[in-house]
Amino acid sequence: MTRKIVKQYKAYRDDIRDLQTRRPVPGPELEQLDPFLFLNHHGPQVYAPDNLGLPFGPHPHRGFETVTFILRGELAHSDTGGHESIIGTGGVQWMTAGSGLIHSELSPEAFKRHGGELEILQLWVNLPSQLKMTPPGYVGLQAQDIPQIPLSRGHGEISLISGSVAGVTGPIKSLTDVTLMTVQMSAGSEVTLHAPAARQVFLYTVKGRLKIDDILAQAWHLIEMDNSDDLVTITATDDATFLFGHADKINEPVVSHGPFVMNTVQEINQAILDYQAGKFDVKL
């Protein structure tokens, strides 16, 4: 017996300038999947030479973490904590906004000059009230920093970011014990992933279709699972890529306002005041 699909939520188009963007959460039918708050799927698309690149100039965050998967292309990160990096295809950025950071996510000058393929996922993971004001942090991982766990008979692989799979531990130690990975599978292959029944599963189909307990999970959908078992068995109908993770539910009020996610309206108002007062311009 394995977990079953409760519902599928289609990612709706919400392009940002010339950046093709799909978002399954928050959406018309789903505000959050506690503790997972938000997912943007940018691309896949090809940028021409002499392009403007990504549009995410300096902006603040407080109260949660961002996990950014660079599936294709490059992403340049800088923030007021003094972190800077350019992460390429297959890499990941894990930023703890915590008490507050201002960051930029832009295309490197070489990408804007020459163009190329681009596909990026950005996931927001909530923090519980006792960690919302934790010191900010950032880890940038290139593809070679991320363990690859092969599926049986060479039919795909798991890129493990955090948590443990098959005796392998991911390079990120999450503040809240979140497990996250991307999985690539060839058509007809099968994988069984462990996800304790008490925890919330996050499964987003980046490419291709998956079959779970004889139900077809469509591409570009967030898949809500039940909590009937500790296992999720997935068969790839097509060559497929998906984002998979699980985490403990926080079960606290969520009040969000743009780039801030807190527990009360008063905390949101304080975040705005602190940002306006320059308190997010930290140097770690």
Foldseek 3Di string as FASTA:
>chain_A
DAWDFPDKFFFPWDADVPWTKTWREPDPVHQAQFQWGTKIKTDQDWDAAQAPWDDFAKDKAFFWKKKKAWQAAWKWKDKLQGDTDIEHHQKMKIKQQALMMIMGITHDPVCNHHITTTIMMMIIGGDAQVGRNPDIDMDIGYNVQWDWAADPPRFWTKGWQADDDPRDGHPDDDPFRKTKIKIWGAAFDKDKDFAQLQKWKWKAWCDAWKAWPNDIHGHNIITGIHSPDGMTMIHTNHGTMMMIIIGHGNPAAWDDDVNYIHRDPVVVVVSVVCVVVVVNSDHD
